[in-house]
Amino acid sequence: MFWELNAVGSAFTYRELYQPEHIVIASLKTVPPYVKELLAEFNTVVIDNVYPGGGGEQELNNIH
């Protein structure tokens, strides 16, 4: 559970410091749904399996 809380805390801190319009986290591995939901509360999108040939590669390419 440590890395999940760390990801949420990092997204919150980044948003406060830089005030970006969007935050996208590209993960090599599958992120549990509850972590995605927590991050979504901070307007952060998580894309799973982002690597050459991975399922998230196309999703990452389609972000506008």
C-alpha atoms as a PDB file:
ATOM      1  CA  MET A   1       0.000   0.000   0.000  1.00  0.00           C
ATOM      2  CA  PHE A   2       3.015   2.305   0.360  1.00  0.00           C
ATOM      3  CA  TRP A   3       3.578   2.855  -3.350  1.00  0.00           C
ATOM      4  CA  GLU A   4      -0.117   3.580  -3.899  1.00  0.00           C
ATOM      5  CA  LEU A   5      -0.137   6.343  -1.303  1.00  0.00           C
ATOM      6  CA  ASN A   6       3.166   7.630  -2.626  1.00  0.00           C
ATOM      7  CA  ALA A   7       1.722   7.873  -6.158  1.00  0.00           C
ATOM      8  CA  VAL A   8      -1.313   9.801  -4.909  1.00  0.00           C
ATOM      9  CA  GLY A   9       0.847  12.108  -2.780  1.00  0.00           C
ATOM     10  CA  SER A  10       3.255  12.733  -5.645  1.00  0.00           C
ATOM     11  CA  ALA A  11       0.427  13.573  -8.057  1.00  0.00           C
ATOM     12  CA  PHE A  12      -1.083  15.971  -5.514  1.00  0.00           C
ATOM     13  CA  THR A  13       2.270  17.682  -4.850  1.00  0.00           C
ATOM     14  CA  TYR A  14       3.061  17.958  -8.569  1.00  0.00           C
ATOM     15  CA  ARG A  15      -0.367  19.481  -9.256  1.00  0.00           C
ATOM     16  CA  GLU A  16       0.047  22.028  -6.453  1.00  0.00           C
ATOM     17  CA  LEU A  17       3.535  23.078  -7.579  1.00  0.00           C
ATOM     18  CA  TYR A  18       3.126  23.196 -11.356  1.00  0.00           C
ATOM     19  CA  GLN A  19      -0.652  23.531 -11.816  1.00  0.00           C
ATOM     20  CA  PRO A  20      -0.757  21.507 -15.058  1.00  0.00           C
ATOM     21  CA  GLU A  21      -3.947  21.147 -17.048  1.00  0.00           C
ATOM     22  CA  HIS A  22      -3.557  17.360 -17.168  1.00  0.00           C
ATOM     23  CA  ILE A  23      -1.446  14.684 -15.526  1.00  0.00           C
ATOM     24  CA  VAL A  24      -0.959  11.301 -17.172  1.00  0.00           C
ATOM     25  CA  ILE A  25       0.913   8.477 -15.489  1.00  0.00           C
ATOM     26  CA  ALA A  26       2.168   5.758 -17.837  1.00  0.00           C
ATOM     27  CA  SER A  27       2.769   2.488 -16.000  1.00  0.00           C
ATOM     28  CA  LEU A  28       4.686  -0.543 -17.236  1.00  0.00           C
ATOM     29  CA  LYS A  29       2.467  -2.737 -15.079  1.00  0.00           C
ATOM     30  CA  THR A  30      -1.235  -2.967 -14.322  1.00  0.00           C
ATOM     31  CA  VAL A  31      -2.364  -0.477 -11.681  1.00  0.00           C
ATOM     32  CA  PRO A  32      -5.149  -1.625  -9.328  1.00  0.00           C
ATOM     33  CA  PRO A  33      -8.527   0.024 -10.021  1.00  0.00           C
ATOM     34  CA  TYR A  34      -8.729   1.586  -6.550  1.00  0.00           C
ATOM     35  CA  VAL A  35      -5.428   3.403  -7.162  1.00  0.00           C
ATOM     36  CA  LYS A  36      -6.709   4.700 -10.507  1.00  0.00           C
ATOM     37  CA  GLU A  37      -9.852   5.917  -8.732  1.00  0.00           C
ATOM     38  CA  LEU A  38      -7.819   7.712  -6.054  1.00  0.00           C
ATOM     39  CA  LEU A  39      -5.675   9.402  -8.688  1.00  0.00           C
ATOM     40  CA  ALA A  40      -8.738  10.301 -10.764  1.00  0.00           C
ATOM     41  CA  GLU A  41      -9.890  12.406  -7.807  1.00  0.00           C
ATOM     42  CA  PHE A  42      -6.829  14.574  -8.538  1.00  0.00           C
ATOM     43  CA  ASN A  43      -7.628  14.680 -12.287  1.00  0.00           C
ATOM     44  CA  THR A  44      -4.818  12.238 -12.978  1.00  0.00           C
ATOM     45  CA  VAL A  45      -5.162   9.605 -15.695  1.00  0.00           C
ATOM     46  CA  VAL A  46      -3.315   6.302 -15.337  1.00  0.00           C
ATOM     47  CA  ILE A  47      -2.553   4.190 -18.394  1.00  0.00           C
ATOM     48  CA  ASP A  48      -1.517   0.584 -17.736  1.00  0.00           C
ATOM     49  CA  ASN A  49       0.861  -1.652 -19.650  1.00  0.00           C
ATOM     50  CA  VAL A  50       2.704   1.079 -21.542  1.00  0.00           C
ATOM     51  CA  TYR A  51       5.594  -0.623 -23.322  1.00  0.00           C
ATOM     52  CA  PRO A  52       6.298  -1.578 -26.949  1.00  0.00           C
ATOM     53  CA  GLY A  53       3.532  -3.960 -27.941  1.00  0.00           C
ATOM     54  CA  GLY A  54       1.695  -3.496 -24.620  1.00  0.00           C
ATOM     55  CA  GLY A  55      -2.004  -2.788 -24.383  1.00  0.00           C
ATOM     56  CA  GLY A  56      -1.469   0.749 -23.099  1.00  0.00           C
ATOM     57  CA  GLU A  57       0.849   1.827 -25.892  1.00  0.00           C
ATOM     58  CA  GLN A  58      -2.010   2.664 -28.267  1.00  0.00           C
ATOM     59  CA  GLU A  59      -4.015   4.369 -25.515  1.00  0.00           C
ATOM     60  CA  LEU A  60      -1.034   6.600 -24.723  1.00  0.00           C
ATOM     61  CA  ASN A  61      -0.650   7.454 -28.411  1.00  0.00           C
ATOM     62  CA  ASN A  62      -4.321   8.488 -28.578  1.00  0.00           C
ATOM     63  CA  ILE A  63      -4.123  11.132 -25.839  1.00  0.00           C
ATOM     64  CA  HIS A  64      -4.855  14.597 -27.189  1.00  0.00           C
END
